[in-house]
Amino acid sequence: MRAVLILLAALQGTQAAPASQGTVATRVVGPGGDHATITEAVQAAQPHDTVVVTRGVYREATVVVDKPLVLRGEDGTVLDGEGARGLLRIVADSVTVSGFTLRDTGISFTEDRAALLVDRAHFCTVRDLRVEDAFFGIYLANSGDCLLEDNTLRARSTRETRSGNGIHLWYSTRVTLRGNRIEGHRDGIYFEFVEDSRVLDNESVGNVRYGLHFMFSDGCDYVRNVFADNGAGVAVMYTSDVLMEENDFRGSLGNAAFGLLLKDITDSEILGNRFRDNSVGIHAEGANRVRVAGNDFLENGWAVKIMANSEGSTIEGNNFLGNSFDVATNSRRSYSDFAGNYWDRYRGWDRDADGVGDVPFHPVRLFSLVVAQNEPALVLQRSPLVALLDLAEQVLPLLTPEDLADPRPRLAPVSTRWGPS
């Protein structure tokens, strides 16, 4: 059923408001065209007309689109904010914008200045834009039933305080983001109070803080995205009914970095993702009734950190390979279940040859508890002393959580969306 909903949502951006009545005209902006400025053309146009802006650099006050229109730029059509203003503001339903380069809005600490702002509008389509050096790139507020597709947003931010987000949604519903590439912003994608929206096949890389940051945004799906080399990966906060499937989380490195942060999230699924080369793959606080299944955890510092306030969650059918620490927690008790995972550190046996180990695997290493109390101890990670500690704890577990164990560890890696691990 969810797959059907995703397909319908992906198609929604092509939905238009009721067809126009009367004749639809095309107006051309530029030398030899019908109008000299974009604003002049928009003001003169009738609802559902098409405004074509020819190649060239246009420097004019923020263009406000207050009627349903198609606004299309040619290859080489640039709107330049000269470091002083936003460029396009959409305040009407059924507007399509495509083909422009939007650049240089400048920085503002008194307004959420955006290259393109959609304000209280529905049925919008924003496609094939290049957004360069904008404070906020594409910003939707109190809007819905929109499609943001195949846009490229690039900024050169180095500090959170002097940058906005690439694609920013606030109090919006039924929005689809598909095939966009975002880099160099504060957060690549930001959702706050967003519902029933889809983030499909996007790349969010090299952003200062998060590749994706969403809060209070229920019923949203995030599928087949790449979140790479961002400051702290992806953060999911105060949210329920989330699907995160077949995403690639990689290269989030640092003292407070993680591939995916779950904080106060409920009734959600994390399926078929790859977590590779992160300081922490998943950090879970207050993650209740969350299913984590079919994921690959490869060469992370910590694959999973799950706090004791995470209850009723299941971690099943995942692969844990080459991680410094597979699991860490902050309690002697576990309120979530591990089952049927593949652990490359498992040294048990399989006498009945059913592919499942005959003895449980305890994934929390004694050395991880030492490191939690004294981080500089990490320099001993490869020492014979640590190997001896691990062996002793496996034979007679005394300090690691007794009930945090996988009772059915697999003897061979699980087949996942990513193929052989």
Protein backbone atom coordinates (compact mmCIF):
# COMPACT_ATOMS: atom_id res chain seq x y z
CA MET A 1 0.00 0.00 0.00
CA ARG A 2 2.84 2.41 0.87
CA ALA A 3 4.43 1.77 -2.52
CA VAL A 4 1.19 2.83 -4.21
CA LEU A 5 1.08 6.00 -2.12
CA ILE A 6 4.68 6.82 -3.05
CA LEU A 7 3.87 6.40 -6.76
CA LEU A 8 0.80 8.60 -6.52
CA ALA A 9 2.76 11.23 -4.60
CA ALA A 10 5.55 11.20 -7.16
CA LEU A 11 3.02 11.94 -9.90
CA GLN A 12 1.25 14.67 -7.96
CA GLY A 13 3.64 17.44 -9.01
CA THR A 14 2.39 17.17 -12.57
CA GLN A 15 -1.13 17.82 -11.35
CA ALA A 16 -2.48 21.19 -12.38
CA ALA A 17 -5.37 23.26 -11.17
CA PRO A 18 -8.48 23.34 -13.36
CA ALA A 19 -7.79 24.12 -17.01
CA SER A 20 -7.84 27.73 -18.06
CA GLN A 21 -10.71 29.29 -19.90
CA GLY A 22 -10.20 31.19 -23.11
CA THR A 23 -7.07 31.72 -25.21
CA VAL A 24 -3.61 30.97 -23.81
CA ALA A 25 -0.88 33.29 -25.07
CA THR A 26 2.93 33.15 -25.05
CA ARG A 27 4.79 36.31 -24.10
CA VAL A 28 8.50 36.73 -24.77
CA VAL A 29 10.86 38.75 -22.57
CA GLY A 30 14.15 40.09 -23.92
CA PRO A 31 15.61 42.05 -26.81
CA GLY A 32 13.15 41.99 -29.69
CA GLY A 33 10.50 40.34 -27.52
CA ASP A 34 7.14 41.52 -26.25
CA HIS A 35 8.49 42.90 -22.97
CA ALA A 36 11.76 44.27 -21.64
CA THR A 37 11.43 42.94 -18.08
CA ILE A 38 10.03 39.82 -16.48
CA THR A 39 7.87 41.84 -14.10
CA GLU A 40 6.29 43.70 -17.01
CA ALA A 41 5.48 40.43 -18.77
CA VAL A 42 3.97 38.85 -15.64
CA GLN A 43 1.80 41.88 -14.99
CA ALA A 44 0.55 41.96 -18.58
CA ALA A 45 -0.09 38.20 -18.82
CA GLN A 46 -3.49 36.60 -18.45
CA PRO A 47 -3.97 33.55 -16.20
CA HIS A 48 -2.38 30.40 -17.66
CA ASP A 49 -0.29 32.29 -20.22
CA THR A 50 3.32 31.27 -20.84
CA VAL A 51 6.13 33.76 -20.27
CA VAL A 52 9.38 32.83 -22.03
CA VAL A 53 12.50 34.70 -20.90
CA THR A 54 15.24 34.68 -23.52
CA ARG A 55 18.94 34.18 -22.90
CA GLY A 56 20.69 36.95 -20.97
CA VAL A 57 21.29 38.34 -17.49
CA TYR A 58 18.29 40.07 -15.85
CA ARG A 59 18.69 42.36 -12.88
CA GLU A 60 15.40 43.66 -11.59
CA ALA A 61 13.38 43.84 -8.38
CA THR A 62 11.99 40.59 -6.97
CA VAL A 63 9.52 39.17 -9.51
CA VAL A 64 6.13 38.42 -7.92
CA VAL A 65 3.96 35.87 -9.74
CA ASP A 66 0.39 36.42 -8.55
CA LYS A 67 -1.56 34.43 -11.15
CA PRO A 68 -1.30 30.93 -12.63
CA LEU A 69 1.45 31.06 -15.27
CA VAL A 70 4.18 29.08 -16.93
CA LEU A 71 7.45 30.99 -16.48
CA ARG A 72 10.25 29.47 -18.54
CA GLY A 73 13.86 30.45 -19.09
CA GLU A 74 16.02 29.43 -21.99
CA ASP A 75 19.50 27.96 -21.70
CA GLY A 76 21.61 30.86 -20.39
CA THR A 77 18.76 32.85 -18.80
CA VAL A 78 20.07 34.28 -15.51
CA LEU A 79 18.27 36.23 -12.77
CA ASP A 80 20.88 38.04 -10.70
CA GLY A 81 20.04 39.34 -7.23
CA GLU A 82 23.25 41.40 -7.06
CA GLY A 83 23.70 40.29 -3.45
CA ALA A 84 20.72 42.37 -2.38
CA ARG A 85 17.38 40.52 -2.82
CA GLY A 86 15.40 37.40 -3.47
CA LEU A 87 14.57 36.69 -7.10
CA LEU A 88 11.16 35.03 -7.53
CA ARG A 89 8.12 35.01 -5.25
CA ILE A 90 5.16 32.76 -6.10
CA VAL A 91 1.88 33.70 -4.41
CA ALA A 92 -0.62 32.04 -6.79
CA ASP A 93 -1.68 28.45 -7.39
CA SER A 94 -0.75 26.47 -10.50
CA VAL A 95 2.54 28.19 -11.35
CA THR A 96 5.32 26.38 -13.22
CA VAL A 97 8.88 27.73 -13.16
CA SER A 98 11.68 26.10 -15.14
CA GLY A 99 14.95 26.65 -16.97
CA PHE A 100 16.46 29.61 -15.07
CA THR A 101 19.74 30.19 -13.32
CA LEU A 102 19.02 32.09 -10.09
CA ARG A 103 22.08 33.57 -8.43
CA ASP A 104 23.51 35.81 -5.73
CA THR A 105 20.73 36.70 -3.30
CA GLY A 106 23.19 37.88 -0.69
CA ILE A 107 22.85 37.17 3.03
CA SER A 108 20.10 38.58 5.23
CA PHE A 109 19.72 38.24 9.00
CA THR A 110 16.32 39.97 9.05
CA GLU A 111 14.44 37.87 6.48
CA ASP A 112 14.47 34.32 5.13
CA ARG A 113 15.74 35.54 1.77
CA ALA A 114 15.35 32.93 -0.94
CA ALA A 115 16.16 32.63 -4.61
CA LEU A 116 12.62 31.28 -5.07
CA LEU A 117 9.90 31.62 -2.44
CA VAL A 118 6.53 29.85 -2.75
CA ASP A 119 4.18 31.51 -0.25
CA ARG A 120 0.71 30.09 0.45
CA ALA A 121 0.43 28.53 -3.00
CA HIS A 122 -0.53 25.09 -4.31
CA PHE A 123 -0.02 22.97 -7.43
CA CYS A 124 3.35 24.52 -8.20
CA THR A 125 6.08 22.88 -10.29
CA VAL A 126 9.71 23.99 -9.97
CA ARG A 127 11.92 22.17 -12.42
CA ASP A 128 15.40 22.39 -14.00
CA LEU A 129 16.64 25.42 -12.07
CA ARG A 130 20.25 26.19 -11.24
CA VAL A 131 20.48 28.08 -7.96
CA GLU A 132 23.91 29.53 -7.22
CA ASP A 133 25.13 31.34 -4.10
CA ALA A 134 21.70 31.84 -2.57
CA PHE A 135 21.02 32.30 1.15
CA PHE A 136 17.97 30.02 1.00
CA GLY A 137 17.58 28.24 -2.31
CA ILE A 138 13.95 27.11 -2.78
CA TYR A 139 11.63 27.94 0.13
CA LEU A 140 8.02 26.74 0.48
CA ALA A 141 5.87 28.20 3.25
CA ASN A 142 2.24 27.20 3.93
CA SER A 143 2.13 25.54 0.51
CA GLY A 144 1.27 22.14 -0.87
CA ASP A 145 0.71 19.73 -3.77
CA CYS A 146 3.96 20.86 -5.38
CA LEU A 147 6.77 19.15 -7.29
CA LEU A 148 10.44 20.23 -7.00
CA GLU A 149 12.30 18.25 -9.62
CA ASP A 150 15.78 18.08 -11.21
CA ASN A 151 17.05 21.31 -9.68
CA THR A 152 20.71 21.96 -8.84
CA LEU A 153 21.51 24.15 -5.83
CA ARG A 154 25.08 25.13 -5.01
CA ALA A 155 26.37 27.46 -2.33
CA ARG A 156 29.77 27.97 -0.75
CA SER A 157 28.89 28.22 2.92
CA THR A 158 31.42 27.42 5.61
CA ARG A 159 29.51 28.59 8.71
CA GLU A 160 26.00 27.76 9.90
CA THR A 161 25.35 31.33 11.02
CA ARG A 162 25.96 32.77 7.56
CA SER A 163 24.01 30.29 5.48
CA GLY A 164 20.44 29.18 4.85
CA ASN A 165 19.07 25.86 3.67
CA GLY A 166 19.03 24.55 0.12
CA ILE A 167 15.42 23.35 -0.06
CA HIS A 168 13.35 24.53 2.91
CA LEU A 169 9.74 23.51 3.63
CA TRP A 170 7.68 25.00 6.46
CA TYR A 171 4.06 24.12 7.25
CA SER A 172 3.57 22.42 3.89
CA THR A 173 1.81 19.26 2.73
CA ARG A 174 1.98 16.74 -0.12
CA VAL A 175 5.22 18.00 -1.65
CA THR A 176 7.52 15.82 -3.75
CA LEU A 177 11.27 16.47 -4.05
CA ARG A 178 12.73 14.35 -6.83
CA GLY A 179 16.10 14.24 -8.55
CA ASN A 180 17.55 17.41 -7.00
CA ARG A 181 21.21 17.97 -6.11
CA ILE A 182 22.05 20.25 -3.19
CA GLU A 183 25.46 21.16 -1.82
CA GLY A 184 27.22 23.79 0.24
CA HIS A 185 24.24 25.01 2.28
CA ARG A 186 23.56 24.92 6.03
CA ASP A 187 21.10 22.01 5.66
CA GLY A 188 20.66 20.51 2.23
CA ILE A 189 16.96 19.79 2.82
CA TYR A 190 14.96 21.07 5.79
CA PHE A 191 11.40 20.09 6.78
CA GLU A 192 9.48 21.60 9.69
CA PHE A 193 5.78 20.88 10.23
CA VAL A 194 5.55 19.09 6.89
CA GLU A 195 3.14 16.21 6.25
CA ASP A 196 2.63 13.47 3.66
CA SER A 197 5.60 14.44 1.51
CA ARG A 198 8.17 12.47 -0.47
CA VAL A 199 11.93 12.90 -0.95
CA LEU A 200 13.02 10.66 -3.83
CA ASP A 201 16.34 10.19 -5.68
CA ASN A 202 18.05 13.36 -4.45
CA GLU A 203 21.72 14.02 -3.66
CA SER A 204 22.53 16.18 -0.67
CA VAL A 205 26.29 16.42 -0.26
CA GLY A 206 28.89 18.63 1.39
CA ASN A 207 26.49 20.71 3.46
CA VAL A 208 27.67 22.47 6.60
CA ARG A 209 25.27 20.90 9.11
CA TYR A 210 22.83 18.22 7.86
CA GLY A 211 22.14 16.64 4.51
CA LEU A 212 18.52 16.36 5.63
CA HIS A 213 16.96 17.82 8.77
CA PHE A 214 13.33 17.31 9.64
CA MET A 215 11.23 17.97 12.72
CA PHE A 216 7.53 17.56 13.49
CA SER A 217 7.01 16.13 10.00
CA ASP A 218 4.77 13.06 10.10
CA GLY A 219 3.92 10.63 7.32
CA CYS A 220 6.89 11.44 5.08
CA ASP A 221 8.97 9.04 2.96
CA TYR A 222 12.68 9.37 2.08
CA VAL A 223 13.72 6.90 -0.62
CA ARG A 224 16.90 6.32 -2.69
CA ASN A 225 18.68 9.51 -1.67
CA VAL A 226 22.42 10.07 -1.22
CA PHE A 227 23.55 11.92 1.92
CA ALA A 228 27.34 12.17 1.69
CA ASP A 229 30.12 14.18 3.35
CA ASN A 230 27.77 16.41 5.30
CA GLY A 231 28.69 17.85 8.68
CA ALA A 232 26.38 15.57 10.68
CA GLY A 233 24.36 13.51 8.23
CA VAL A 234 20.59 13.31 8.67
CA ALA A 235 18.54 14.29 11.73
CA VAL A 236 14.99 13.01 12.35
CA MET A 237 13.33 14.64 15.36
CA TYR A 238 9.92 14.65 17.08
CA THR A 239 8.27 12.76 14.25
CA SER A 240 6.18 9.63 13.61
CA ASP A 241 5.29 7.40 10.65
CA VAL A 242 8.48 7.91 8.68
CA LEU A 243 9.86 5.58 6.01
CA MET A 244 13.59 5.83 5.19
CA GLU A 245 14.40 3.27 2.52
CA GLU A 246 17.36 2.51 0.22
CA ASN A 247 19.28 5.67 1.09
CA ASP A 248 23.06 5.97 1.13
CA PHE A 249 24.48 7.58 4.28
CA ARG A 250 28.24 8.06 4.08
CA GLY A 251 31.20 10.17 5.05
CA SER A 252 29.78 11.99 8.09
CA LEU A 253 32.86 12.20 10.28
CA GLY A 254 33.59 14.15 13.44
CA ASN A 255 33.13 14.14 17.21
CA ALA A 256 29.38 14.76 16.94
CA ALA A 257 28.77 13.29 13.49
CA PHE A 258 26.43 10.49 12.50
CA GLY A 259 24.83 9.06 9.42
CA LEU A 260 21.35 9.20 10.95
CA LEU A 261 20.15 10.71 14.22
CA LEU A 262 16.81 9.51 15.58
CA LYS A 263 15.43 11.62 18.42
CA ASP A 264 11.93 11.11 19.79
CA ILE A 265 10.72 9.28 16.71
CA THR A 266 7.96 6.65 16.77
CA ASP A 267 6.29 4.05 14.57
CA SER A 268 8.75 4.31 11.70
CA GLU A 269 10.82 2.09 9.40
CA ILE A 270 14.47 2.23 8.32
CA LEU A 271 14.83 -0.33 5.55
CA GLY A 272 17.49 -1.32 3.04
CA ASN A 273 19.84 1.63 3.62
CA ARG A 274 23.63 1.69 3.55
CA PHE A 275 25.62 3.35 6.34
CA ARG A 276 29.28 3.57 5.39
CA ASP A 277 32.30 5.40 6.80
CA ASN A 278 30.44 7.47 9.40
CA SER A 279 31.58 8.21 12.94
CA VAL A 280 28.21 6.77 14.01
CA GLY A 281 25.84 4.99 11.63
CA ILE A 282 22.60 5.41 13.63
CA HIS A 283 22.30 7.26 16.93
CA ALA A 284 18.91 6.57 18.54
CA GLU A 285 17.42 8.44 21.49
CA GLY A 286 13.76 7.91 22.25
CA ALA A 287 13.33 5.79 19.11
CA ASN A 288 10.19 3.84 19.96
CA ARG A 289 8.62 1.12 17.85
CA VAL A 290 11.09 1.65 15.03
CA ARG A 291 11.97 -1.23 12.69
CA VAL A 292 15.57 -1.26 11.40
CA ALA A 293 15.89 -4.04 8.83
CA GLY A 294 17.87 -5.02 5.74
CA ASN A 295 20.53 -2.33 6.18
CA ASP A 296 24.29 -2.52 5.64
CA PHE A 297 26.54 -1.02 8.34
CA LEU A 298 30.01 -0.88 6.82
CA GLU A 299 33.25 0.52 8.25
CA ASN A 300 31.68 2.97 10.69
CA GLY A 301 33.14 3.99 14.03
CA TRP A 302 30.00 2.90 15.85
CA ALA A 303 27.39 1.18 13.70
CA VAL A 304 24.47 1.71 16.11
CA LYS A 305 24.26 3.70 19.33
CA ILE A 306 20.91 2.98 20.94
CA MET A 307 20.02 4.61 24.24
CA ALA A 308 17.96 2.95 26.95
CA ASN A 309 15.05 5.32 26.36
CA SER A 310 14.47 3.62 22.98
CA GLU A 311 11.75 1.05 23.56
CA GLY A 312 10.00 -1.56 21.47
CA SER A 313 12.27 -1.20 18.44
CA THR A 314 13.63 -4.11 16.40
CA ILE A 315 17.01 -4.37 14.69
CA GLU A 316 16.78 -7.41 12.43
CA GLY A 317 18.27 -8.81 9.26
CA ASN A 318 21.09 -6.27 8.95
CA ASN A 319 24.78 -6.71 8.05
CA PHE A 320 27.49 -5.43 10.39
CA LEU A 321 30.90 -5.49 8.70
CA GLY A 322 34.18 -3.75 9.49
CA ASN A 323 32.82 -1.41 12.17
CA SER A 324 35.06 -0.46 15.08
CA PHE A 325 32.08 -1.00 17.39
CA ASP A 326 28.87 -2.65 16.28
CA VAL A 327 26.56 -1.50 19.09
CA ALA A 328 26.82 0.84 22.05
CA THR A 329 24.30 1.76 24.72
CA ASN A 330 24.11 3.62 28.03
CA SER A 331 22.45 0.97 30.17
CA ARG A 332 22.87 -2.57 31.42
CA ARG A 333 19.36 -3.29 30.14
CA SER A 334 17.96 -3.22 26.62
CA TYR A 335 14.39 -2.35 25.75
CA SER A 336 14.77 -3.10 22.03
CA ASP A 337 15.34 -6.39 20.25
CA PHE A 338 18.21 -7.55 18.01
CA ALA A 339 17.58 -10.68 15.93
CA GLY A 340 18.81 -12.42 12.79
CA ASN A 341 21.63 -10.01 11.95
CA TYR A 342 25.00 -10.88 10.42
CA TRP A 343 27.97 -9.88 12.60
CA ASP A 344 31.46 -10.27 11.18
CA ARG A 345 32.82 -10.62 14.74
CA TYR A 346 30.62 -13.61 15.58
CA ARG A 347 32.66 -16.73 16.36
CA GLY A 348 29.89 -19.19 17.17
CA TRP A 349 29.02 -22.46 15.47
CA ASP A 350 26.12 -23.91 13.50
CA ARG A 351 25.82 -27.63 14.27
CA ASP A 352 22.46 -28.09 12.53
CA ALA A 353 23.60 -26.18 9.40
CA ASP A 354 20.52 -23.96 9.29
CA GLY A 355 22.56 -20.79 8.71
CA VAL A 356 21.90 -19.49 12.22
CA GLY A 357 24.42 -19.53 15.05
CA ASP A 358 23.71 -21.88 17.94
CA VAL A 359 24.79 -19.42 20.62
CA PRO A 360 23.73 -15.77 20.97
CA PHE A 361 25.99 -12.89 19.98
CA HIS A 362 26.57 -10.00 22.39
CA PRO A 363 27.43 -7.01 20.13
CA VAL A 364 28.43 -4.55 22.87
CA ARG A 365 32.18 -4.78 23.39
CA LEU A 366 33.68 -4.27 26.82
CA PHE A 367 36.18 -1.88 25.24
CA SER A 368 33.30 0.32 24.00
CA LEU A 369 32.30 0.85 27.63
CA VAL A 370 35.87 1.87 28.42
CA VAL A 371 35.89 4.32 25.51
CA ALA A 372 32.56 5.79 26.61
CA GLN A 373 34.18 6.75 29.92
CA ASN A 374 37.55 7.74 28.48
CA GLU A 375 37.70 8.59 24.76
CA PRO A 376 41.52 8.82 24.52
CA ALA A 377 41.53 5.06 25.17
CA LEU A 378 40.66 4.67 21.48
CA VAL A 379 44.39 4.69 20.74
CA LEU A 380 44.45 1.16 22.19
CA GLN A 381 41.83 -0.08 19.71
CA ARG A 382 44.21 -2.48 17.90
CA SER A 383 46.26 -3.52 20.92
CA PRO A 384 46.57 -7.12 22.23
CA LEU A 385 45.14 -5.91 25.56
CA VAL A 386 41.84 -4.96 23.94
CA ALA A 387 41.67 -8.27 22.09
CA LEU A 388 42.15 -10.03 25.43
CA LEU A 389 39.38 -7.94 27.02
CA ASP A 390 37.00 -8.84 24.19
CA LEU A 391 37.78 -12.53 24.51
CA ALA A 392 37.28 -12.50 28.26
CA GLU A 393 33.95 -10.72 27.98
CA GLN A 394 32.70 -13.17 25.34
CA VAL A 395 33.52 -16.12 27.56
CA LEU A 396 32.07 -14.60 30.73
CA PRO A 397 30.05 -11.40 30.13
CA LEU A 398 29.94 -9.41 33.35
CA LEU A 399 29.87 -5.72 32.43
CA THR A 400 28.25 -5.59 28.98
CA PRO A 401 24.42 -5.62 28.83
CA GLU A 402 23.35 -9.22 29.33
CA ASP A 403 20.00 -8.90 27.59
CA LEU A 404 21.31 -6.91 24.62
CA ALA A 405 22.08 -9.90 22.44
CA ASP A 406 21.17 -11.35 19.08
CA PRO A 407 19.79 -14.84 19.84
CA ARG A 408 19.80 -15.86 16.17
CA PRO A 409 22.96 -14.45 14.54
CA ARG A 410 23.35 -15.36 10.89
CA LEU A 411 26.40 -17.16 9.62
CA ALA A 412 26.40 -15.43 6.22
CA PRO A 413 25.62 -11.84 5.18
CA VAL A 414 22.01 -10.95 4.50
CA SER A 415 21.03 -10.15 0.93
CA THR A 416 20.27 -6.41 0.69
CA ARG A 417 19.41 -3.79 -1.90
CA TRP A 418 23.15 -3.03 -2.15
CA GLY A 419 24.10 -6.55 -3.20
CA PRO A 420 27.02 -8.49 -1.71
CA SER A 421 28.58 -6.50 1.11
